[in-house]
């Protein structure tokens, strides 16, 4: 999808001196800059990198950049405080930068040093840049989906749009009648950003009229959480009666509440891939009980695992969808003999 930097195709009349300085630097250093969807990227991982990606919290946001400053200035500057894993400069079609970039370091400590050393640094005379910790948003909201769209079909369409989706949660839309809203959680900020761009540009088979794709806003997240408060839950195997449970006595379990993390660890240890969860509230009773259908797909496991769980609404702060996923994860751990 990416292509190596075609510097010679830029409009020559715009910022020619700095572009030529960048081109010279690229040739002298042998550095690879790759153009991907409106941004230029170095690394991710860089040459010689060993191991997995850096931990969350290792990325900084760089703002207030003069539009004629490029990687030949910025990469050496940000490498001066720590080892860079990745550097991404947002670009316009004319070859100017869009005024902001992201630098991901090998550690949180280096990211902290970059903020301390380079925030308000004067990169050009009279031009001080902003450097702060990146929020690394990973969740999108997609509003306006047809009520007939199933979770399984949506999963297939989203996997076509971009890689890295971890979970999909469907809600009745709080903004549109006869519509669904999906909350999409991705493995990284970059994966979420690529998915957002692809979905907004219509590069998928999701062609709903009035479809809105945005970063998940904190107030919407809180609103969705508050609509389905819960602490108590009951696991109901397939085929059981769909009425409210008569009693909600869930035996204490050291696994409940930690099952998602335990399942992630187990799948990593057994090289099964990252579990992908799907949940949908299929019944809401007047007495406060919610019934969820849940499914988990584990890439290295032969079949998807699914069932129903009852969730009780009350004043707990966690989402009913999250509790349903945790209940399913606990069942999967039992199936795999790990609880």
C-alpha atoms as a PDB file:
ATOM      1  CA  UNK A   1       0.000   0.000   0.000  1.00  0.00           C
ATOM      2  CA  UNK A   2       2.868   2.362   0.758  1.00  0.00           C
ATOM      3  CA  UNK A   3       5.284   3.638  -1.800  1.00  0.00           C
ATOM      4  CA  UNK A   4       8.751   5.083  -1.460  1.00  0.00           C
ATOM      5  CA  UNK A   5       9.084   8.832  -1.420  1.00  0.00           C
ATOM      6  CA  UNK A   6       8.654  10.239  -4.959  1.00  0.00           C
ATOM      7  CA  UNK A   7      10.330  13.562  -4.190  1.00  0.00           C
ATOM      8  CA  UNK A   8      10.880  14.334  -7.858  1.00  0.00           C
ATOM      9  CA  UNK A   9       7.099  14.411  -8.466  1.00  0.00           C
ATOM     10  CA  UNK A  10       6.458  17.311  -6.085  1.00  0.00           C
ATOM     11  CA  UNK A  11       5.481  20.684  -7.602  1.00  0.00           C
ATOM     12  CA  UNK A  12       8.888  22.333  -8.092  1.00  0.00           C
ATOM     13  CA  UNK A  13       7.589  25.826  -7.450  1.00  0.00           C
ATOM     14  CA  UNK A  14       6.671  25.102  -3.810  1.00  0.00           C
ATOM     15  CA  UNK A  15       9.438  25.267  -1.214  1.00  0.00           C
ATOM     16  CA  UNK A  16      12.112  24.021  -3.613  1.00  0.00           C
ATOM     17  CA  UNK A  17      15.169  24.734  -1.437  1.00  0.00           C
ATOM     18  CA  UNK A  18      13.983  22.719   1.575  1.00  0.00           C
ATOM     19  CA  UNK A  19      12.756  19.864  -0.624  1.00  0.00           C
ATOM     20  CA  UNK A  20      16.139  19.600  -2.285  1.00  0.00           C
ATOM     21  CA  UNK A  21      17.812  19.607   1.145  1.00  0.00           C
ATOM     22  CA  UNK A  22      15.548  16.713   2.148  1.00  0.00           C
ATOM     23  CA  UNK A  23      16.313  14.815  -1.056  1.00  0.00           C
ATOM     24  CA  UNK A  24      20.064  15.248  -0.470  1.00  0.00           C
ATOM     25  CA  UNK A  25      19.717  14.054   3.136  1.00  0.00           C
ATOM     26  CA  UNK A  26      17.736  10.971   2.071  1.00  0.00           C
ATOM     27  CA  UNK A  27      20.450  10.051  -0.475  1.00  0.00           C
ATOM     28  CA  UNK A  28      23.305  10.643   1.962  1.00  0.00           C
ATOM     29  CA  UNK A  29      21.796   8.698   4.872  1.00  0.00           C
ATOM     30  CA  UNK A  30      20.093   5.947   2.832  1.00  0.00           C
ATOM     31  CA  UNK A  31      17.050   6.420   5.030  1.00  0.00           C
ATOM     32  CA  UNK A  32      13.697   5.059   3.802  1.00  0.00           C
ATOM     33  CA  UNK A  33      10.652   7.346   3.896  1.00  0.00           C
ATOM     34  CA  UNK A  34       7.402   5.703   2.827  1.00  0.00           C
ATOM     35  CA  UNK A  35       4.289   7.599   1.709  1.00  0.00           C
ATOM     36  CA  UNK A  36       1.100   6.047   3.138  1.00  0.00           C
ATOM     37  CA  UNK A  37      -2.363   7.648   3.026  1.00  0.00           C
ATOM     38  CA  UNK A  38      -1.449  11.307   3.496  1.00  0.00           C
ATOM     39  CA  UNK A  39       1.536  10.769   5.756  1.00  0.00           C
ATOM     40  CA  UNK A  40       5.244  10.018   5.340  1.00  0.00           C
ATOM     41  CA  UNK A  41       6.686   7.385   7.615  1.00  0.00           C
ATOM     42  CA  UNK A  42      10.119   6.386   8.819  1.00  0.00           C
ATOM     43  CA  UNK A  43      10.569   3.116  10.718  1.00  0.00           C
ATOM     44  CA  UNK A  44       7.779   1.217  12.394  1.00  0.00           C
ATOM     45  CA  UNK A  45      10.089  -0.696  12.921  1.00  0.00           C
ATOM     46  CA  UNK A  46      13.392   0.975  11.948  1.00  0.00           C
ATOM     47  CA  UNK A  47      16.310  -1.025  10.463  1.00  0.00           C
ATOM     48  CA  UNK A  48      17.917  -3.381  12.975  1.00  0.00           C
ATOM     49  CA  UNK A  49      14.975  -3.329  15.405  1.00  0.00           C
ATOM     50  CA  UNK A  50      14.626  -6.530  17.456  1.00  0.00           C
ATOM     51  CA  UNK A  51      11.456  -7.525  19.328  1.00  0.00           C
ATOM     52  CA  UNK A  52       7.910  -6.239  19.411  1.00  0.00           C
ATOM     53  CA  UNK A  53       6.652  -2.646  19.200  1.00  0.00           C
ATOM     54  CA  UNK A  54       7.206  -0.216  22.118  1.00  0.00           C
ATOM     55  CA  UNK A  55       4.663  -0.029  24.959  1.00  0.00           C
ATOM     56  CA  UNK A  56       1.678   2.320  24.960  1.00  0.00           C
ATOM     57  CA  UNK A  57       2.737   5.787  26.083  1.00  0.00           C
ATOM     58  CA  UNK A  58       5.929   5.832  24.003  1.00  0.00           C
ATOM     59  CA  UNK A  59       4.601   8.252  21.368  1.00  0.00           C
ATOM     60  CA  UNK A  60       4.648  12.062  21.350  1.00  0.00           C
ATOM     61  CA  UNK A  61       2.553  14.499  19.320  1.00  0.00           C
ATOM     62  CA  UNK A  62       4.420  17.324  17.576  1.00  0.00           C
ATOM     63  CA  UNK A  63       2.392  20.398  16.674  1.00  0.00           C
ATOM     64  CA  UNK A  64       2.820  23.979  15.414  1.00  0.00           C
ATOM     65  CA  UNK A  65       5.349  22.854  12.794  1.00  0.00           C
ATOM     66  CA  UNK A  66       6.277  25.331  10.041  1.00  0.00           C
ATOM     67  CA  UNK A  67       4.942  23.754   6.833  1.00  0.00           C
ATOM     68  CA  UNK A  68       8.311  23.881   5.072  1.00  0.00           C
ATOM     69  CA  UNK A  69      10.179  21.804   7.691  1.00  0.00           C
ATOM     70  CA  UNK A  70      10.848  18.161   6.823  1.00  0.00           C
ATOM     71  CA  UNK A  71      12.370  14.944   8.131  1.00  0.00           C
ATOM     72  CA  UNK A  72      15.976  16.016   7.464  1.00  0.00           C
ATOM     73  CA  UNK A  73      15.504  18.530  10.291  1.00  0.00           C
ATOM     74  CA  UNK A  74      12.966  16.727  12.464  1.00  0.00           C
ATOM     75  CA  UNK A  75      14.274  13.142  12.625  1.00  0.00           C
ATOM     76  CA  UNK A  76      17.810  14.091  13.798  1.00  0.00           C
ATOM     77  CA  UNK A  77      16.277  16.523  16.295  1.00  0.00           C
ATOM     78  CA  UNK A  78      13.952  13.938  17.848  1.00  0.00           C
ATOM     79  CA  UNK A  79      16.589  11.194  17.689  1.00  0.00           C
ATOM     80  CA  UNK A  80      18.864  13.411  19.786  1.00  0.00           C
ATOM     81  CA  UNK A  81      16.855  12.590  22.944  1.00  0.00           C
ATOM     82  CA  UNK A  82      16.228   8.862  22.430  1.00  0.00           C
ATOM     83  CA  UNK A  83      15.958   5.934  20.021  1.00  0.00           C
ATOM     84  CA  UNK A  84      13.123   6.396  17.514  1.00  0.00           C
ATOM     85  CA  UNK A  85      10.901   3.464  16.609  1.00  0.00           C
ATOM     86  CA  UNK A  86       8.772   5.439  14.134  1.00  0.00           C
ATOM     87  CA  UNK A  87       8.330   8.986  12.831  1.00  0.00           C
ATOM     88  CA  UNK A  88       5.206  10.077  10.901  1.00  0.00           C
ATOM     89  CA  UNK A  89       4.853  13.482   9.211  1.00  0.00           C
ATOM     90  CA  UNK A  90       1.385  14.434   7.942  1.00  0.00           C
ATOM     91  CA  UNK A  91       1.551  15.778   4.359  1.00  0.00           C
ATOM     92  CA  UNK A  92      -0.504  17.797   1.871  1.00  0.00           C
ATOM     93  CA  UNK A  93      -0.727  16.919  -1.824  1.00  0.00           C
ATOM     94  CA  UNK A  94       1.421  19.964  -2.669  1.00  0.00           C
ATOM     95  CA  UNK A  95       4.368  18.596  -0.681  1.00  0.00           C
ATOM     96  CA  UNK A  96       4.050  20.849   2.382  1.00  0.00           C
ATOM     97  CA  UNK A  97       3.595  19.266   5.796  1.00  0.00           C
ATOM     98  CA  UNK A  98       0.236  19.727   7.537  1.00  0.00           C
ATOM     99  CA  UNK A  99       1.780  21.249  10.655  1.00  0.00           C
ATOM    100  CA  UNK A 100       1.945  18.160  12.841  1.00  0.00           C
ATOM    101  CA  UNK A 101       3.730  14.825  13.249  1.00  0.00           C
ATOM    102  CA  UNK A 102       4.112  11.858  15.603  1.00  0.00           C
ATOM    103  CA  UNK A 103       7.356  10.412  17.008  1.00  0.00           C
ATOM    104  CA  UNK A 104       7.262   6.992  18.671  1.00  0.00           C
ATOM    105  CA  UNK A 105      10.229   6.093  20.867  1.00  0.00           C
ATOM    106  CA  UNK A 106      11.611   2.769  22.054  1.00  0.00           C
ATOM    107  CA  UNK A 107      10.480   3.516  25.618  1.00  0.00           C
ATOM    108  CA  UNK A 108       8.164   5.733  27.674  1.00  0.00           C
ATOM    109  CA  UNK A 109      11.223   7.276  29.301  1.00  0.00           C
ATOM    110  CA  UNK A 110      12.518   8.575  25.951  1.00  0.00           C
ATOM    111  CA  UNK A 111       9.079   9.980  25.120  1.00  0.00           C
ATOM    112  CA  UNK A 112       9.062  11.819  28.447  1.00  0.00           C
ATOM    113  CA  UNK A 113      12.539  13.210  27.719  1.00  0.00           C
ATOM    114  CA  UNK A 114      11.364  14.440  24.304  1.00  0.00           C
ATOM    115  CA  UNK A 115       8.505  16.382  25.917  1.00  0.00           C
ATOM    116  CA  UNK A 116      10.851  17.895  28.526  1.00  0.00           C
ATOM    117  CA  UNK A 117      13.639  18.796  26.086  1.00  0.00           C
ATOM    118  CA  UNK A 118      11.769  19.750  22.901  1.00  0.00           C
ATOM    119  CA  UNK A 119       8.453  21.316  23.890  1.00  0.00           C
ATOM    120  CA  UNK A 120       8.678  25.007  22.865  1.00  0.00           C
ATOM    121  CA  UNK A 121      11.919  24.288  20.967  1.00  0.00           C
ATOM    122  CA  UNK A 122      12.535  26.959  18.296  1.00  0.00           C
ATOM    123  CA  UNK A 123      12.827  24.856  15.140  1.00  0.00           C
ATOM    124  CA  UNK A 124      13.029  28.002  12.994  1.00  0.00           C
ATOM    125  CA  UNK A 125      13.549  31.586  14.059  1.00  0.00           C
ATOM    126  CA  UNK A 126      10.340  32.712  15.750  1.00  0.00           C
ATOM    127  CA  UNK A 127       8.703  29.251  15.382  1.00  0.00           C
ATOM    128  CA  UNK A 128       8.458  27.249  18.611  1.00  0.00           C
ATOM    129  CA  UNK A 129       6.971  23.755  18.323  1.00  0.00           C
ATOM    130  CA  UNK A 130       4.571  21.942  20.646  1.00  0.00           C
ATOM    131  CA  UNK A 131       5.594  18.501  21.939  1.00  0.00           C
ATOM    132  CA  UNK A 132       3.308  16.509  24.256  1.00  0.00           C
ATOM    133  CA  UNK A 133       2.362  12.922  24.976  1.00  0.00           C
ATOM    134  CA  UNK A 134       0.181  11.441  22.249  1.00  0.00           C
ATOM    135  CA  UNK A 135      -3.253  10.270  23.413  1.00  0.00           C
ATOM    136  CA  UNK A 136      -2.986   7.335  20.971  1.00  0.00           C
ATOM    137  CA  UNK A 137      -6.744   7.035  20.456  1.00  0.00           C
ATOM    138  CA  UNK A 138      -7.738   3.518  19.433  1.00  0.00           C
ATOM    139  CA  UNK A 139     -11.546   3.570  19.411  1.00  0.00           C
ATOM    140  CA  UNK A 140     -13.952   4.717  16.677  1.00  0.00           C
ATOM    141  CA  UNK A 141     -17.702   5.217  16.657  1.00  0.00           C
ATOM    142  CA  UNK A 142     -19.638   4.348  13.518  1.00  0.00           C
ATOM    143  CA  UNK A 143     -23.208   5.665  13.576  1.00  0.00           C
ATOM    144  CA  UNK A 144     -26.026   5.127  11.090  1.00  0.00           C
ATOM    145  CA  UNK A 145     -25.680   1.388  10.443  1.00  0.00           C
ATOM    146  CA  UNK A 146     -28.810  -0.450   9.316  1.00  0.00           C
ATOM    147  CA  UNK A 147     -30.545  -2.421  12.055  1.00  0.00           C
ATOM    148  CA  UNK A 148     -30.504  -5.431   9.730  1.00  0.00           C
ATOM    149  CA  UNK A 149     -26.679  -5.454   9.576  1.00  0.00           C
ATOM    150  CA  UNK A 150     -25.404  -8.421  11.571  1.00  0.00           C
ATOM    151  CA  UNK A 151     -22.282  -8.361  13.689  1.00  0.00           C
ATOM    152  CA  UNK A 152     -20.687 -11.128  11.624  1.00  0.00           C
ATOM    153  CA  UNK A 153     -21.261  -9.276   8.348  1.00  0.00           C
ATOM    154  CA  UNK A 154     -19.934  -6.037   9.853  1.00  0.00           C
ATOM    155  CA  UNK A 155     -16.823  -7.893  11.037  1.00  0.00           C
ATOM    156  CA  UNK A 156     -16.112  -9.090   7.484  1.00  0.00           C
ATOM    157  CA  UNK A 157     -16.589  -5.596   6.029  1.00  0.00           C
ATOM    158  CA  UNK A 158     -14.349  -3.963   8.648  1.00  0.00           C
ATOM    159  CA  UNK A 159     -11.564  -6.485   8.167  1.00  0.00           C
ATOM    160  CA  UNK A 160     -11.586  -5.502   4.495  1.00  0.00           C
ATOM    161  CA  UNK A 161     -11.217  -1.819   5.457  1.00  0.00           C
ATOM    162  CA  UNK A 162      -8.114  -2.102   7.643  1.00  0.00           C
ATOM    163  CA  UNK A 163      -6.112  -4.432   9.837  1.00  0.00           C
ATOM    164  CA  UNK A 164      -5.912  -4.474  13.616  1.00  0.00           C
ATOM    165  CA  UNK A 165      -9.529  -4.568  14.803  1.00  0.00           C
ATOM    166  CA  UNK A 166      -9.836  -6.102  18.274  1.00  0.00           C
ATOM    167  CA  UNK A 167     -13.516  -5.803  19.148  1.00  0.00           C
ATOM    168  CA  UNK A 168     -16.851  -4.645  17.744  1.00  0.00           C
ATOM    169  CA  UNK A 169     -19.746  -3.629  20.007  1.00  0.00           C
ATOM    170  CA  UNK A 170     -23.180  -2.760  18.602  1.00  0.00           C
ATOM    171  CA  UNK A 171     -25.663  -0.431  20.318  1.00  0.00           C
ATOM    172  CA  UNK A 172     -29.008   1.080  19.292  1.00  0.00           C
ATOM    173  CA  UNK A 173     -28.026   4.495  17.925  1.00  0.00           C
ATOM    174  CA  UNK A 174     -28.629   7.286  20.460  1.00  0.00           C
ATOM    175  CA  UNK A 175     -28.740   9.810  17.595  1.00  0.00           C
ATOM    176  CA  UNK A 176     -30.659   8.196  14.719  1.00  0.00           C
ATOM    177  CA  UNK A 177     -33.952   6.297  14.694  1.00  0.00           C
ATOM    178  CA  UNK A 178     -33.913   2.742  13.336  1.00  0.00           C
ATOM    179  CA  UNK A 179     -30.130   2.625  13.218  1.00  0.00           C
ATOM    180  CA  UNK A 180     -27.209   0.998  15.007  1.00  0.00           C
ATOM    181  CA  UNK A 181     -24.017   2.514  16.370  1.00  0.00           C
ATOM    182  CA  UNK A 182     -20.831   0.413  16.473  1.00  0.00           C
ATOM    183  CA  UNK A 183     -17.870   1.027  18.772  1.00  0.00           C
ATOM    184  CA  UNK A 184     -14.700  -0.277  17.135  1.00  0.00           C
ATOM    185  CA  UNK A 185     -11.549  -0.935  19.147  1.00  0.00           C
ATOM    186  CA  UNK A 186      -8.212  -1.299  17.305  1.00  0.00           C
ATOM    187  CA  UNK A 187      -4.789  -2.644  18.266  1.00  0.00           C
ATOM    188  CA  UNK A 188      -3.059   0.729  17.795  1.00  0.00           C
ATOM    189  CA  UNK A 189      -3.685   4.386  17.033  1.00  0.00           C
ATOM    190  CA  UNK A 190      -2.269   3.915  13.573  1.00  0.00           C
ATOM    191  CA  UNK A 191      -4.589   0.980  12.802  1.00  0.00           C
ATOM    192  CA  UNK A 192      -7.580   3.011  13.999  1.00  0.00           C
ATOM    193  CA  UNK A 193      -6.509   6.055  11.953  1.00  0.00           C
ATOM    194  CA  UNK A 194      -6.102   3.965   8.790  1.00  0.00           C
ATOM    195  CA  UNK A 195      -9.524   2.385   9.346  1.00  0.00           C
ATOM    196  CA  UNK A 196     -11.120   5.811   9.940  1.00  0.00           C
ATOM    197  CA  UNK A 197      -9.631   7.183   6.724  1.00  0.00           C
ATOM    198  CA  UNK A 198     -10.725   4.151   4.698  1.00  0.00           C
ATOM    199  CA  UNK A 199     -14.269   4.207   6.111  1.00  0.00           C
ATOM    200  CA  UNK A 200     -14.703   7.971   5.667  1.00  0.00           C
ATOM    201  CA  UNK A 201     -13.500   7.807   2.064  1.00  0.00           C
ATOM    202  CA  UNK A 202     -15.987   5.053   1.277  1.00  0.00           C
ATOM    203  CA  UNK A 203     -13.321   2.461   0.473  1.00  0.00           C
ATOM    204  CA  UNK A 204     -15.494  -0.359   1.817  1.00  0.00           C
ATOM    205  CA  UNK A 205     -18.734  -2.153   1.002  1.00  0.00           C
ATOM    206  CA  UNK A 206     -20.441  -0.357   3.897  1.00  0.00           C
ATOM    207  CA  UNK A 207     -22.566   2.095   1.913  1.00  0.00           C
ATOM    208  CA  UNK A 208     -25.117   3.356   4.444  1.00  0.00           C
ATOM    209  CA  UNK A 209     -26.522   6.812   3.744  1.00  0.00           C
ATOM    210  CA  UNK A 210     -25.742   9.180   6.599  1.00  0.00           C
ATOM    211  CA  UNK A 211     -22.964   6.980   7.997  1.00  0.00           C
ATOM    212  CA  UNK A 212     -20.739   8.906  10.433  1.00  0.00           C
ATOM    213  CA  UNK A 213     -17.295   7.668  11.476  1.00  0.00           C
ATOM    214  CA  UNK A 214     -15.499   9.570  14.253  1.00  0.00           C
ATOM    215  CA  UNK A 215     -13.048   9.062  17.076  1.00  0.00           C
ATOM    216  CA  UNK A 216     -15.040   7.772  20.044  1.00  0.00           C
ATOM    217  CA  UNK A 217     -15.800  10.842  22.150  1.00  0.00           C
ATOM    218  CA  UNK A 218     -15.524  10.570  25.949  1.00  0.00           C
ATOM    219  CA  UNK A 219     -19.081  11.852  26.481  1.00  0.00           C
ATOM    220  CA  UNK A 220     -20.522   9.258  24.073  1.00  0.00           C
ATOM    221  CA  UNK A 221     -18.457   6.509  25.709  1.00  0.00           C
ATOM    222  CA  UNK A 222     -19.807   7.523  29.116  1.00  0.00           C
ATOM    223  CA  UNK A 223     -23.365   7.710  27.757  1.00  0.00           C
ATOM    224  CA  UNK A 224     -23.132   4.192  26.351  1.00  0.00           C
ATOM    225  CA  UNK A 225     -21.651   2.906  29.597  1.00  0.00           C
ATOM    226  CA  UNK A 226     -24.367   4.537  31.689  1.00  0.00           C
ATOM    227  CA  UNK A 227     -27.071   2.999  29.503  1.00  0.00           C
ATOM    228  CA  UNK A 228     -25.953  -0.484  30.536  1.00  0.00           C
ATOM    229  CA  UNK A 229     -24.609  -0.490  34.079  1.00  0.00           C
ATOM    230  CA  UNK A 230     -23.891  -3.882  35.568  1.00  0.00           C
ATOM    231  CA  UNK A 231     -21.952  -5.944  38.037  1.00  0.00           C
ATOM    232  CA  UNK A 232     -23.954  -9.162  38.200  1.00  0.00           C
ATOM    233  CA  UNK A 233     -24.069 -11.561  35.287  1.00  0.00           C
ATOM    234  CA  UNK A 234     -25.224 -15.089  34.555  1.00  0.00           C
ATOM    235  CA  UNK A 235     -23.930 -17.313  31.779  1.00  0.00           C
ATOM    236  CA  UNK A 236     -26.736 -19.000  29.850  1.00  0.00           C
ATOM    237  CA  UNK A 237     -25.797 -21.862  27.490  1.00  0.00           C
ATOM    238  CA  UNK A 238     -27.404 -21.877  24.047  1.00  0.00           C
ATOM    239  CA  UNK A 239     -31.018 -22.967  23.941  1.00  0.00           C
ATOM    240  CA  UNK A 240     -31.989 -21.948  27.476  1.00  0.00           C
ATOM    241  CA  UNK A 241     -35.165 -19.967  28.209  1.00  0.00           C
ATOM    242  CA  UNK A 242     -34.974 -16.283  27.278  1.00  0.00           C
ATOM    243  CA  UNK A 243     -36.952 -15.009  30.295  1.00  0.00           C
ATOM    244  CA  UNK A 244     -35.261 -13.119  33.124  1.00  0.00           C
ATOM    245  CA  UNK A 245     -33.215 -15.275  35.484  1.00  0.00           C
ATOM    246  CA  UNK A 246     -35.082 -16.004  38.721  1.00  0.00           C
ATOM    247  CA  UNK A 247     -31.959 -15.585  40.855  1.00  0.00           C
ATOM    248  CA  UNK A 248     -28.648 -13.932  40.105  1.00  0.00           C
ATOM    249  CA  UNK A 249     -26.286 -15.791  42.409  1.00  0.00           C
ATOM    250  CA  UNK A 250     -22.909 -15.841  40.680  1.00  0.00           C
ATOM    251  CA  UNK A 251     -20.346 -17.769  42.741  1.00  0.00           C
ATOM    252  CA  UNK A 252     -17.256 -15.697  43.552  1.00  0.00           C
ATOM    253  CA  UNK A 253     -14.435 -16.361  41.109  1.00  0.00           C
ATOM    254  CA  UNK A 254     -10.873 -15.050  41.151  1.00  0.00           C
ATOM    255  CA  UNK A 255     -11.008 -15.152  37.349  1.00  0.00           C
ATOM    256  CA  UNK A 256     -14.077 -12.939  36.851  1.00  0.00           C
ATOM    257  CA  UNK A 257     -12.962  -9.384  36.116  1.00  0.00           C
ATOM    258  CA  UNK A 258      -9.550 -10.546  34.903  1.00  0.00           C
ATOM    259  CA  UNK A 259     -10.643 -13.169  32.381  1.00  0.00           C
ATOM    260  CA  UNK A 260     -10.012 -10.990  29.299  1.00  0.00           C
ATOM    261  CA  UNK A 261      -6.399 -10.370  30.307  1.00  0.00           C
ATOM    262  CA  UNK A 262      -5.893 -14.026  31.207  1.00  0.00           C
ATOM    263  CA  UNK A 263      -7.318 -15.169  27.864  1.00  0.00           C
ATOM    264  CA  UNK A 264      -5.102 -12.714  25.955  1.00  0.00           C
ATOM    265  CA  UNK A 265      -2.055 -14.054  27.816  1.00  0.00           C
ATOM    266  CA  UNK A 266      -3.037 -17.685  27.200  1.00  0.00           C
ATOM    267  CA  UNK A 267      -3.597 -17.111  23.464  1.00  0.00           C
ATOM    268  CA  UNK A 268      -0.256 -15.320  23.199  1.00  0.00           C
ATOM    269  CA  UNK A 269       1.501 -18.157  25.017  1.00  0.00           C
ATOM    270  CA  UNK A 270      -0.082 -20.795  22.762  1.00  0.00           C
ATOM    271  CA  UNK A 271       0.452 -18.732  19.579  1.00  0.00           C
ATOM    272  CA  UNK A 272      -3.300 -18.698  18.860  1.00  0.00           C
ATOM    273  CA  UNK A 273      -3.558 -15.024  17.870  1.00  0.00           C
ATOM    274  CA  UNK A 274      -5.537 -12.178  19.457  1.00  0.00           C
ATOM    275  CA  UNK A 275      -9.132 -13.068  20.491  1.00  0.00           C
ATOM    276  CA  UNK A 276     -11.786 -11.008  18.660  1.00  0.00           C
ATOM    277  CA  UNK A 277     -15.011 -10.424  20.644  1.00  0.00           C
ATOM    278  CA  UNK A 278     -18.512  -9.617  19.388  1.00  0.00           C
ATOM    279  CA  UNK A 279     -21.378  -8.688  21.699  1.00  0.00           C
ATOM    280  CA  UNK A 280     -24.950  -7.596  21.125  1.00  0.00           C
ATOM    281  CA  UNK A 281     -27.723  -6.772  23.606  1.00  0.00           C
ATOM    282  CA  UNK A 282     -30.642  -8.889  22.364  1.00  0.00           C
ATOM    283  CA  UNK A 283     -33.128  -8.376  25.206  1.00  0.00           C
ATOM    284  CA  UNK A 284     -33.774  -5.680  27.820  1.00  0.00           C
ATOM    285  CA  UNK A 285     -36.305  -6.549  30.537  1.00  0.00           C
ATOM    286  CA  UNK A 286     -38.250  -4.073  32.715  1.00  0.00           C
ATOM    287  CA  UNK A 287     -36.707  -5.565  35.877  1.00  0.00           C
ATOM    288  CA  UNK A 288     -33.250  -4.346  34.811  1.00  0.00           C
ATOM    289  CA  UNK A 289     -31.809  -7.542  33.321  1.00  0.00           C
ATOM    290  CA  UNK A 290     -30.105  -7.386  29.924  1.00  0.00           C
ATOM    291  CA  UNK A 291     -29.456 -10.441  27.782  1.00  0.00           C
ATOM    292  CA  UNK A 292     -26.339 -10.432  25.590  1.00  0.00           C
ATOM    293  CA  UNK A 293     -25.307 -12.658  22.717  1.00  0.00           C
ATOM    294  CA  UNK A 294     -21.525 -13.052  22.769  1.00  0.00           C
ATOM    295  CA  UNK A 295     -19.001 -14.634  20.441  1.00  0.00           C
ATOM    296  CA  UNK A 296     -15.221 -14.885  20.441  1.00  0.00           C
ATOM    297  CA  UNK A 297     -13.129 -15.787  17.401  1.00  0.00           C
ATOM    298  CA  UNK A 298      -9.610 -17.040  18.169  1.00  0.00           C
ATOM    299  CA  UNK A 299      -7.560 -17.252  14.937  1.00  0.00           C
ATOM    300  CA  UNK A 300      -5.745 -20.446  15.966  1.00  0.00           C
ATOM    301  CA  UNK A 301      -8.837 -22.215  17.378  1.00  0.00           C
ATOM    302  CA  UNK A 302     -10.945 -24.335  14.994  1.00  0.00           C
ATOM    303  CA  UNK A 303     -14.389 -22.817  15.746  1.00  0.00           C
ATOM    304  CA  UNK A 304     -15.897 -19.583  17.091  1.00  0.00           C
ATOM    305  CA  UNK A 305     -17.246 -19.902  20.661  1.00  0.00           C
ATOM    306  CA  UNK A 306     -20.555 -18.253  21.484  1.00  0.00           C
ATOM    307  CA  UNK A 307     -23.428 -18.173  23.943  1.00  0.00           C
ATOM    308  CA  UNK A 308     -25.714 -15.874  25.946  1.00  0.00           C
ATOM    309  CA  UNK A 309     -25.231 -14.095  29.248  1.00  0.00           C
ATOM    310  CA  UNK A 310     -27.549 -12.123  31.521  1.00  0.00           C
ATOM    311  CA  UNK A 311     -26.284  -8.804  32.894  1.00  0.00           C
ATOM    312  CA  UNK A 312     -27.915  -6.881  35.714  1.00  0.00           C
ATOM    313  CA  UNK A 313     -28.152  -3.094  35.538  1.00  0.00           C
ATOM    314  CA  UNK A 314     -27.087  -1.134  38.624  1.00  0.00           C
ATOM    315  CA  UNK A 315     -24.651   1.537  39.734  1.00  0.00           C
ATOM    316  CA  UNK A 316     -21.381  -0.167  38.761  1.00  0.00           C
ATOM    317  CA  UNK A 317     -19.322   1.917  36.344  1.00  0.00           C
ATOM    318  CA  UNK A 318     -18.370  -0.799  33.855  1.00  0.00           C
ATOM    319  CA  UNK A 319     -20.122  -1.497  30.555  1.00  0.00           C
ATOM    320  CA  UNK A 320     -22.539  -4.408  30.198  1.00  0.00           C
ATOM    321  CA  UNK A 321     -20.765  -5.319  26.982  1.00  0.00           C
ATOM    322  CA  UNK A 322     -17.435  -5.500  28.836  1.00  0.00           C
ATOM    323  CA  UNK A 323     -18.912  -7.760  31.530  1.00  0.00           C
ATOM    324  CA  UNK A 324     -20.462  -9.999  28.866  1.00  0.00           C
ATOM    325  CA  UNK A 325     -17.045 -10.323  27.185  1.00  0.00           C
ATOM    326  CA  UNK A 326     -15.468 -11.135  30.533  1.00  0.00           C
ATOM    327  CA  UNK A 327     -18.049 -13.854  31.210  1.00  0.00           C
ATOM    328  CA  UNK A 328     -17.411 -15.391  27.784  1.00  0.00           C
ATOM    329  CA  UNK A 329     -13.652 -15.193  28.324  1.00  0.00           C
ATOM    330  CA  UNK A 330     -14.076 -17.083  31.618  1.00  0.00           C
ATOM    331  CA  UNK A 331     -16.024 -19.827  29.854  1.00  0.00           C
ATOM    332  CA  UNK A 332     -13.357 -20.067  27.130  1.00  0.00           C
ATOM    333  CA  UNK A 333     -10.638 -20.363  29.781  1.00  0.00           C
ATOM    334  CA  UNK A 334     -12.556 -23.279  31.306  1.00  0.00           C
ATOM    335  CA  UNK A 335     -12.868 -24.927  27.883  1.00  0.00           C
ATOM    336  CA  UNK A 336      -9.136 -24.538  27.359  1.00  0.00           C
ATOM    337  CA  UNK A 337      -8.457 -25.911  30.853  1.00  0.00           C
ATOM    338  CA  UNK A 338      -6.863 -22.784  32.263  1.00  0.00           C
ATOM    339  CA  UNK A 339      -9.159 -21.806  35.140  1.00  0.00           C
END
